C-alpha cells in the first residue's frame, strides 16, 4: 500500500519563485500522494538563517529535494518514488 509523502515548502512573503513552485506542485495533479505544509521562514530565526537566500526549498520526507524551481513532472516523479518507497507522515 502506498503511503502519503510528507512535503514541506519553505517559503517567505513576496517570493515569486515560491508562487511558481506552488503552481507547479498543483499542476502535478497528484494530491493523493502527499500532504503539503507551507512554512514561512521569516517566522523562525533558525529557518531564516538556514534558508534566507535559498527559498523556495521543497523537502520530501525530511530531505531537501528541490530549490528555487521545479517542474510538475519532476515533482510528480519524486512524489511517486517517495510513495513507492513506503514513506510515512510523522
PDB file of N, CA and C in Angstrom:
ATOM      1  N   UNK A   1       0.836  -1.195   0.000  1.00  0.00           N
ATOM      2  CA  UNK A   1       0.000   0.000   0.000  1.00  0.00           C
ATOM      3  C   UNK A   1       0.873   1.248   0.000  1.00  0.00           C
ATOM      4  N   UNK A   2       0.542   2.168  -0.846  1.00  0.00           N
ATOM      5  CA  UNK A   2       1.281   3.420  -0.910  1.00  0.00           C
ATOM      6  C   UNK A   2       0.863   4.321   0.244  1.00  0.00           C
ATOM      7  N   UNK A   3       1.826   5.039   0.787  1.00  0.00           N
ATOM      8  CA  UNK A   3       1.548   5.993   1.854  1.00  0.00           C
ATOM      9  C   UNK A   3       1.880   7.394   1.357  1.00  0.00           C
ATOM     10  N   UNK A   4       1.283   8.370   1.996  1.00  0.00           N
ATOM     11  CA  UNK A   4       1.498   9.757   1.584  1.00  0.00           C
ATOM     12  C   UNK A   4       2.882  10.239   2.010  1.00  0.00           C
ATOM     13  N   UNK A   5       3.524  10.925   1.093  1.00  0.00           N
ATOM     14  CA  UNK A   5       4.803  11.563   1.390  1.00  0.00           C
ATOM     15  C   UNK A   5       4.530  12.856   2.155  1.00  0.00           C
ATOM     16  N   UNK A   6       5.437  13.218   3.030  1.00  0.00           N
ATOM     17  CA  UNK A   6       5.325  14.474   3.773  1.00  0.00           C
ATOM     18  C   UNK A   6       6.153  15.520   3.035  1.00  0.00           C
ATOM     19  N   UNK A   7       5.478  16.533   2.519  1.00  0.00           N
ATOM     20  CA  UNK A   7       6.119  17.577   1.722  1.00  0.00           C
ATOM     21  C   UNK A   7       6.047  18.893   2.494  1.00  0.00           C
ATOM     22  N   UNK A   8       7.201  19.545   2.622  1.00  0.00           N
ATOM     23  CA  UNK A   8       7.266  20.844   3.285  1.00  0.00           C
ATOM     24  C   UNK A   8       7.858  21.840   2.291  1.00  0.00           C
ATOM     25  N   UNK A   9       7.141  22.942   2.098  1.00  0.00           N
ATOM     26  CA  UNK A   9       7.614  24.012   1.232  1.00  0.00           C
ATOM     27  C   UNK A   9       8.057  25.170   2.116  1.00  0.00           C
ATOM     28  N   UNK A  10       9.360  25.433   2.118  1.00  0.00           N
ATOM     29  CA  UNK A  10       9.902  26.569   2.862  1.00  0.00           C
ATOM     30  C   UNK A  10       9.821  27.783   1.951  1.00  0.00           C
ATOM     31  N   UNK A  11       9.160  28.819   2.443  1.00  0.00           N
ATOM     32  CA  UNK A  11       8.834  29.979   1.622  1.00  0.00           C
ATOM     33  C   UNK A  11       8.971  31.245   2.451  1.00  0.00           C
ATOM     34  N   UNK A  12       8.719  32.377   1.821  1.00  0.00           N
ATOM     35  CA  UNK A  12       8.640  33.654   2.543  1.00  0.00           C
ATOM     36  C   UNK A  12       7.721  34.587   1.770  1.00  0.00           C
ATOM     37  N   UNK A  13       7.345  35.666   2.406  1.00  0.00           N
ATOM     38  CA  UNK A  13       6.424  36.638   1.825  1.00  0.00           C
ATOM     39  C   UNK A  13       7.008  37.274   0.567  1.00  0.00           C
ATOM     40  N   UNK A  14       6.134  37.525  -0.401  1.00  0.00           N
ATOM     41  CA  UNK A  14       6.508  38.196  -1.649  1.00  0.00           C
ATOM     42  C   UNK A  14       7.616  37.482  -2.418  1.00  0.00           C
ATOM     43  N   UNK A  15       7.530  36.175  -2.477  1.00  0.00           N
ATOM     44  CA  UNK A  15       8.525  35.363  -3.173  1.00  0.00           C
ATOM     45  C   UNK A  15       7.900  34.827  -4.461  1.00  0.00           C
ATOM     46  N   UNK A  16       8.266  35.410  -5.591  1.00  0.00           N
ATOM     47  CA  UNK A  16       7.669  34.985  -6.864  1.00  0.00           C
ATOM     48  C   UNK A  16       8.077  33.561  -7.234  1.00  0.00           C
ATOM     49  N   UNK A  17       9.303  33.165  -6.913  1.00  0.00           N
ATOM     50  CA  UNK A  17       9.705  31.781  -7.186  1.00  0.00           C
ATOM     51  C   UNK A  17       8.892  30.800  -6.350  1.00  0.00           C
ATOM     52  N   UNK A  18       8.538  31.199  -5.139  1.00  0.00           N
ATOM     53  CA  UNK A  18       7.710  30.347  -4.277  1.00  0.00           C
ATOM     54  C   UNK A  18       6.338  30.131  -4.907  1.00  0.00           C
ATOM     55  N   UNK A  19       5.771  31.201  -5.434  1.00  0.00           N
ATOM     56  CA  UNK A  19       4.455  31.094  -6.079  1.00  0.00           C
ATOM     57  C   UNK A  19       4.520  30.205  -7.315  1.00  0.00           C
ATOM     58  N   UNK A  20       5.595  30.328  -8.082  1.00  0.00           N
ATOM     59  CA  UNK A  20       5.761  29.478  -9.262  1.00  0.00           C
ATOM     60  C   UNK A  20       5.909  28.015  -8.868  1.00  0.00           C
ATOM     61  N   UNK A  21       6.643  27.747  -7.777  1.00  0.00           N
ATOM     62  CA  UNK A  21       6.810  26.376  -7.326  1.00  0.00           C
ATOM     63  C   UNK A  21       5.467  25.802  -6.872  1.00  0.00           C
ATOM     64  N   UNK A  22       4.685  26.589  -6.140  1.00  0.00           N
ATOM     65  CA  UNK A  22       3.356  26.120  -5.708  1.00  0.00           C
ATOM     66  C   UNK A  22       2.468  25.808  -6.904  1.00  0.00           C
ATOM     67  N   UNK A  23       2.555  26.619  -7.939  1.00  0.00           N
ATOM     68  CA  UNK A  23       1.750  26.381  -9.142  1.00  0.00           C
ATOM     69  C   UNK A  23       2.150  25.068  -9.808  1.00  0.00           C
ATOM     70  N   UNK A  24       3.442  24.779  -9.861  1.00  0.00           N
ATOM     71  CA  UNK A  24       3.902  23.524 -10.462  1.00  0.00           C
ATOM     72  C   UNK A  24       3.475  22.312  -9.630  1.00  0.00           C
ATOM     73  N   UNK A  25       3.497  22.473  -8.313  1.00  0.00           N
ATOM     74  CA  UNK A  25       3.030  21.391  -7.434  1.00  0.00           C
ATOM     75  C   UNK A  25       1.571  21.080  -7.743  1.00  0.00           C
ATOM     76  N   UNK A  26       0.779  22.126  -7.873  1.00  0.00           N
ATOM     77  CA  UNK A  26      -0.640  21.958  -8.187  1.00  0.00           C
ATOM     78  C   UNK A  26      -0.832  21.294  -9.556  1.00  0.00           C
ATOM     79  N   UNK A  27      -0.051  21.717 -10.539  1.00  0.00           N
ATOM     80  CA  UNK A  27      -0.139  21.167 -11.891  1.00  0.00           C
ATOM     81  C   UNK A  27       0.208  19.680 -11.947  1.00  0.00           C
ATOM     82  N   UNK A  28       0.991  19.213 -10.997  1.00  0.00           N
ATOM     83  CA  UNK A  28       1.392  17.801 -10.982  1.00  0.00           C
ATOM     84  C   UNK A  28       0.199  16.874 -10.805  1.00  0.00           C
ATOM     85  N   UNK A  29      -0.869  17.404 -10.206  1.00  0.00           N
ATOM     86  CA  UNK A  29      -2.122  16.662 -10.081  1.00  0.00           C
ATOM     87  C   UNK A  29      -1.948  15.281  -9.437  1.00  0.00           C
ATOM     88  N   UNK A  30      -1.271  15.275  -8.287  1.00  0.00           N
ATOM     89  CA  UNK A  30      -1.078  14.013  -7.563  1.00  0.00           C
ATOM     90  C   UNK A  30      -1.300  14.223  -6.060  1.00  0.00           C
ATOM     91  N   UNK A  31      -2.292  15.044  -5.725  1.00  0.00           N
ATOM     92  CA  UNK A  31      -2.584  15.401  -4.324  1.00  0.00           C
ATOM     93  C   UNK A  31      -2.752  14.200  -3.406  1.00  0.00           C
ATOM     94  N   UNK A  32      -3.224  13.093  -3.954  1.00  0.00           N
ATOM     95  CA  UNK A  32      -3.488  11.915  -3.132  1.00  0.00           C
ATOM     96  C   UNK A  32      -2.201  11.249  -2.640  1.00  0.00           C
ATOM     97  N   UNK A  33      -1.053  11.659  -3.171  1.00  0.00           N
ATOM     98  CA  UNK A  33       0.214  11.009  -2.822  1.00  0.00           C
ATOM     99  C   UNK A  33       1.027  11.752  -1.766  1.00  0.00           C
ATOM    100  N   UNK A  34       0.569  12.934  -1.349  1.00  0.00           N
ATOM    101  CA  UNK A  34       1.366  13.705  -0.392  1.00  0.00           C
ATOM    102  C   UNK A  34       0.488  14.604   0.461  1.00  0.00           C
ATOM    103  N   UNK A  35       1.072  15.027   1.584  1.00  0.00           N
ATOM    104  CA  UNK A  35       0.469  16.086   2.395  1.00  0.00           C
ATOM    105  C   UNK A  35       1.453  17.250   2.363  1.00  0.00           C
ATOM    106  N   UNK A  36       0.931  18.454   2.146  1.00  0.00           N
ATOM    107  CA  UNK A  36       1.773  19.637   1.978  1.00  0.00           C
ATOM    108  C   UNK A  36       1.632  20.566   3.172  1.00  0.00           C
ATOM    109  N   UNK A  37       2.777  21.013   3.666  1.00  0.00           N
ATOM    110  CA  UNK A  37       2.827  22.033   4.717  1.00  0.00           C
ATOM    111  C   UNK A  37       3.688  23.169   4.192  1.00  0.00           C
ATOM    112  N   UNK A  38       3.182  24.386   4.273  1.00  0.00           N
ATOM    113  CA  UNK A  38       3.965  25.556   3.897  1.00  0.00           C
ATOM    114  C   UNK A  38       4.519  26.189   5.163  1.00  0.00           C
ATOM    115  N   UNK A  39       5.819  26.475   5.155  1.00  0.00           N
ATOM    116  CA  UNK A  39       6.479  27.061   6.317  1.00  0.00           C
ATOM    117  C   UNK A  39       7.111  28.379   5.895  1.00  0.00           C
ATOM    118  N   UNK A  40       6.695  29.463   6.551  1.00  0.00           N
ATOM    119  CA  UNK A  40       7.253  30.784   6.299  1.00  0.00           C
ATOM    120  C   UNK A  40       8.525  30.916   7.130  1.00  0.00           C
ATOM    121  N   UNK A  41       9.660  30.970   6.469  1.00  0.00           N
ATOM    122  CA  UNK A  41      10.937  31.012   7.188  1.00  0.00           C
ATOM    123  C   UNK A  41      11.124  32.297   7.975  1.00  0.00           C
ATOM    124  N   UNK A  42      10.382  33.333   7.628  1.00  0.00           N
ATOM    125  CA  UNK A  42      10.518  34.599   8.336  1.00  0.00           C
ATOM    126  C   UNK A  42       9.916  34.550   9.735  1.00  0.00           C
ATOM    127  N   UNK A  43       9.227  33.492  10.065  1.00  0.00           N
ATOM    128  CA  UNK A  43       8.620  33.339  11.394  1.00  0.00           C
ATOM    129  C   UNK A  43       9.483  32.509  12.339  1.00  0.00           C
ATOM    130  N   UNK A  44      10.654  32.061  11.851  1.00  0.00           N
ATOM    131  CA  UNK A  44      11.527  31.205  12.655  1.00  0.00           C
ATOM    132  C   UNK A  44      12.975  31.600  12.380  1.00  0.00           C
ATOM    133  N   UNK A  45      13.656  32.117  13.389  1.00  0.00           N
ATOM    134  CA  UNK A  45      15.018  32.632  13.208  1.00  0.00           C
ATOM    135  C   UNK A  45      15.975  31.559  12.696  1.00  0.00           C
ATOM    136  N   UNK A  46      15.851  30.349  13.182  1.00  0.00           N
ATOM    137  CA  UNK A  46      16.737  29.263  12.753  1.00  0.00           C
ATOM    138  C   UNK A  46      16.512  28.917  11.273  1.00  0.00           C
ATOM    139  N   UNK A  47      15.255  28.806  10.880  1.00  0.00           N
ATOM    140  CA  UNK A  47      14.950  28.515   9.479  1.00  0.00           C
ATOM    141  C   UNK A  47      15.361  29.673   8.578  1.00  0.00           C
ATOM    142  N   UNK A  48      15.180  30.893   9.072  1.00  0.00           N
ATOM    143  CA  UNK A  48      15.578  32.065   8.290  1.00  0.00           C
ATOM    144  C   UNK A  48      17.083  32.049   8.037  1.00  0.00           C
ATOM    145  N   UNK A  49      17.858  31.734   9.063  1.00  0.00           N
ATOM    146  CA  UNK A  49      19.310  31.672   8.916  1.00  0.00           C
ATOM    147  C   UNK A  49      19.709  30.564   7.934  1.00  0.00           C
ATOM    148  N   UNK A  50      18.991  29.469   7.962  1.00  0.00           N
ATOM    149  CA  UNK A  50      19.296  28.330   7.100  1.00  0.00           C
ATOM    150  C   UNK A  50      18.909  28.563   5.645  1.00  0.00           C
ATOM    151  N   UNK A  51      17.725  29.147   5.409  1.00  0.00           N
ATOM    152  CA  UNK A  51      17.169  29.242   4.059  1.00  0.00           C
ATOM    153  C   UNK A  51      17.033  30.666   3.516  1.00  0.00           C
ATOM    154  N   UNK A  52      17.586  31.643   4.209  1.00  0.00           N
ATOM    155  CA  UNK A  52      17.394  33.050   3.843  1.00  0.00           C
ATOM    156  C   UNK A  52      17.582  33.329   2.354  1.00  0.00           C
ATOM    157  N   UNK A  53      18.605  32.771   1.754  1.00  0.00           N
ATOM    158  CA  UNK A  53      18.888  33.036   0.339  1.00  0.00           C
ATOM    159  C   UNK A  53      18.567  31.839  -0.549  1.00  0.00           C
ATOM    160  N   UNK A  54      17.847  30.881  -0.033  1.00  0.00           N
ATOM    161  CA  UNK A  54      17.626  29.627  -0.741  1.00  0.00           C
ATOM    162  C   UNK A  54      16.184  29.388  -1.186  1.00  0.00           C
ATOM    163  N   UNK A  55      15.219  30.122  -0.681  1.00  0.00           N
ATOM    164  CA  UNK A  55      13.821  29.818  -0.952  1.00  0.00           C
ATOM    165  C   UNK A  55      13.467  30.021  -2.414  1.00  0.00           C
ATOM    166  N   UNK A  56      12.523  29.252  -2.879  1.00  0.00           N
ATOM    167  CA  UNK A  56      11.839  28.193  -2.149  1.00  0.00           C
ATOM    168  C   UNK A  56      12.671  26.906  -2.083  1.00  0.00           C
ATOM    169  N   UNK A  57      12.461  26.183  -0.992  1.00  0.00           N
ATOM    170  CA  UNK A  57      13.047  24.864  -0.819  1.00  0.00           C
ATOM    171  C   UNK A  57      11.903  23.907  -0.569  1.00  0.00           C
ATOM    172  N   UNK A  58      11.917  22.798  -1.280  1.00  0.00           N
ATOM    173  CA  UNK A  58      10.880  21.786  -1.129  1.00  0.00           C
ATOM    174  C   UNK A  58      11.512  20.540  -0.526  1.00  0.00           C
ATOM    175  N   UNK A  59      11.019  20.153   0.623  1.00  0.00           N
ATOM    176  CA  UNK A  59      11.509  18.982   1.327  1.00  0.00           C
ATOM    177  C   UNK A  59      10.496  17.846   1.178  1.00  0.00           C
ATOM    178  N   UNK A  60      10.977  16.666   0.874  1.00  0.00           N
ATOM    179  CA  UNK A  60      10.123  15.479   0.781  1.00  0.00           C
ATOM    180  C   UNK A  60      10.619  14.473   1.804  1.00  0.00           C
ATOM    181  N   UNK A  61       9.765  14.149   2.750  1.00  0.00           N
ATOM    182  CA  UNK A  61      10.097  13.210   3.815  1.00  0.00           C
ATOM    183  C   UNK A  61      11.410  13.554   4.507  1.00  0.00           C
ATOM    184  N   UNK A  62      11.588  14.843   4.796  1.00  0.00           N
ATOM    185  CA  UNK A  62      12.739  15.281   5.573  1.00  0.00           C
ATOM    186  C   UNK A  62      14.009  15.534   4.782  1.00  0.00           C
ATOM    187  N   UNK A  63      13.963  15.389   3.478  1.00  0.00           N
ATOM    188  CA  UNK A  63      15.140  15.612   2.632  1.00  0.00           C
ATOM    189  C   UNK A  63      14.861  16.748   1.660  1.00  0.00           C
ATOM    190  N   UNK A  64      15.743  17.743   1.649  1.00  0.00           N
ATOM    191  CA  UNK A  64      15.582  18.847   0.707  1.00  0.00           C
ATOM    192  C   UNK A  64      15.737  18.294  -0.710  1.00  0.00           C
ATOM    193  N   UNK A  65      14.648  18.326  -1.471  1.00  0.00           N
ATOM    194  CA  UNK A  65      14.621  17.700  -2.790  1.00  0.00           C
ATOM    195  C   UNK A  65      14.755  18.707  -3.930  1.00  0.00           C
ATOM    196  N   UNK A  66      14.223  19.918  -3.744  1.00  0.00           N
ATOM    197  CA  UNK A  66      14.261  20.926  -4.804  1.00  0.00           C
ATOM    198  C   UNK A  66      14.527  22.291  -4.198  1.00  0.00           C
ATOM    199  N   UNK A  67      15.259  23.104  -4.934  1.00  0.00           N
ATOM    200  CA  UNK A  67      15.496  24.504  -4.560  1.00  0.00           C
ATOM    201  C   UNK A  67      15.180  25.368  -5.761  1.00  0.00           C
ATOM    202  N   UNK A  68      14.602  26.515  -5.509  1.00  0.00           N
ATOM    203  CA  UNK A  68      14.345  27.567  -6.499  1.00  0.00           C
ATOM    204  C   UNK A  68      13.268  27.218  -7.521  1.00  0.00           C
ATOM    205  N   UNK A  69      13.428  26.126  -8.254  1.00  0.00           N
ATOM    206  CA  UNK A  69      12.477  25.789  -9.324  1.00  0.00           C
ATOM    207  C   UNK A  69      12.234  24.296  -9.381  1.00  0.00           C
ATOM    208  N   UNK A  70      11.085  23.939  -9.928  1.00  0.00           N
ATOM    209  CA  UNK A  70      10.804  22.555 -10.257  1.00  0.00           C
ATOM    210  C   UNK A  70       9.701  22.533 -11.296  1.00  0.00           C
ATOM    211  N   UNK A  71       9.602  21.421 -11.992  1.00  0.00           N
ATOM    212  CA  UNK A  71       8.518  21.244 -12.953  1.00  0.00           C
ATOM    213  C   UNK A  71       7.498  20.291 -12.356  1.00  0.00           C
ATOM    214  N   UNK A  72       6.299  20.354 -12.863  1.00  0.00           N
ATOM    215  CA  UNK A  72       5.247  19.451 -12.391  1.00  0.00           C
ATOM    216  C   UNK A  72       5.678  17.999 -12.584  1.00  0.00           C
ATOM    217  N   UNK A  73       6.329  17.709 -13.701  1.00  0.00           N
ATOM    218  CA  UNK A  73       6.759  16.339 -13.979  1.00  0.00           C
ATOM    219  C   UNK A  73       7.808  15.859 -12.982  1.00  0.00           C
ATOM    220  N   UNK A  74       8.781  16.716 -12.665  1.00  0.00           N
ATOM    221  CA  UNK A  74       9.807  16.349 -11.689  1.00  0.00           C
ATOM    222  C   UNK A  74       9.194  16.129 -10.309  1.00  0.00           C
ATOM    223  N   UNK A  75       8.242  16.981  -9.937  1.00  0.00           N
ATOM    224  CA  UNK A  75       7.583  16.829  -8.641  1.00  0.00           C
ATOM    225  C   UNK A  75       6.806  15.514  -8.593  1.00  0.00           C
ATOM    226  N   UNK A  76       6.021  15.246  -9.613  1.00  0.00           N
ATOM    227  CA  UNK A  76       5.225  14.018  -9.647  1.00  0.00           C
ATOM    228  C   UNK A  76       6.129  12.787  -9.547  1.00  0.00           C
ATOM    229  N   UNK A  77       7.212  12.796 -10.279  1.00  0.00           N
ATOM    230  CA  UNK A  77       8.159  11.674 -10.256  1.00  0.00           C
ATOM    231  C   UNK A  77       8.746  11.478  -8.850  1.00  0.00           C
ATOM    232  N   UNK A  78       9.153  12.565  -8.210  1.00  0.00           N
ATOM    233  CA  UNK A  78       9.739  12.480  -6.868  1.00  0.00           C
ATOM    234  C   UNK A  78       8.720  11.996  -5.838  1.00  0.00           C
ATOM    235  N   UNK A  79       7.481  12.461  -5.964  1.00  0.00           N
ATOM    236  CA  UNK A  79       6.431  12.052  -5.026  1.00  0.00           C
ATOM    237  C   UNK A  79       6.072  10.584  -5.233  1.00  0.00           C
ATOM    238  N   UNK A  80       5.987  10.153  -6.461  1.00  0.00           N
ATOM    239  CA  UNK A  80       5.685   8.745  -6.729  1.00  0.00           C
ATOM    240  C   UNK A  80       6.786   7.849  -6.181  1.00  0.00           C
ATOM    241  N   UNK A  81       8.031   8.261  -6.346  1.00  0.00           N
ATOM    242  CA  UNK A  81       9.152   7.488  -5.817  1.00  0.00           C
ATOM    243  C   UNK A  81       9.083   7.408  -4.295  1.00  0.00           C
ATOM    244  N   UNK A  82       8.823   8.535  -3.642  1.00  0.00           N
ATOM    245  CA  UNK A  82       8.722   8.552  -2.179  1.00  0.00           C
ATOM    246  C   UNK A  82       7.571   7.672  -1.709  1.00  0.00           C
ATOM    247  N   UNK A  83       6.458   7.743  -2.400  1.00  0.00           N
ATOM    248  CA  UNK A  83       5.291   6.941  -2.039  1.00  0.00           C
ATOM    249  C   UNK A  83       5.575   5.448  -2.233  1.00  0.00           C
ATOM    250  N   UNK A  84       6.235   5.098  -3.324  1.00  0.00           N
ATOM    251  CA  UNK A  84       6.563   3.702  -3.607  1.00  0.00           C
ATOM    252  C   UNK A  84       7.543   3.126  -2.589  1.00  0.00           C
ATOM    253  N   UNK A  85       8.386   3.976  -2.027  1.00  0.00           N
ATOM    254  CA  UNK A  85       9.367   3.532  -1.044  1.00  0.00           C
ATOM    255  C   UNK A  85       8.758   3.385   0.349  1.00  0.00           C
ATOM    256  N   UNK A  86       7.482   3.669   0.458  1.00  0.00           N
ATOM    257  CA  UNK A  86       6.794   3.467   1.740  1.00  0.00           C
ATOM    258  C   UNK A  86       7.047   4.547   2.751  1.00  0.00           C
ATOM    259  N   UNK A  87       7.218   5.769   2.293  1.00  0.00           N
ATOM    260  CA  UNK A  87       7.410   6.869   3.221  1.00  0.00           C
ATOM    261  C   UNK A  87       6.157   7.056   4.068  1.00  0.00           C
ATOM    262  N   UNK A  88       6.365   7.582   5.264  1.00  0.00           N
ATOM    263  CA  UNK A  88       5.243   7.810   6.174  1.00  0.00           C
ATOM    264  C   UNK A  88       5.240   9.244   6.656  1.00  0.00           C
ATOM    265  N   UNK A  89       4.100   9.666   7.109  1.00  0.00           N
ATOM    266  CA  UNK A  89       3.958  11.002   7.694  1.00  0.00           C
ATOM    267  C   UNK A  89       4.223  10.870   9.189  1.00  0.00           C
ATOM    268  N   UNK A  90       5.165  11.676   9.708  1.00  0.00           N
ATOM    269  CA  UNK A  90       5.416  11.621  11.148  1.00  0.00           C
ATOM    270  C   UNK A  90       4.579  12.614  11.893  1.00  0.00           C
TER     271      UNK A  90
END
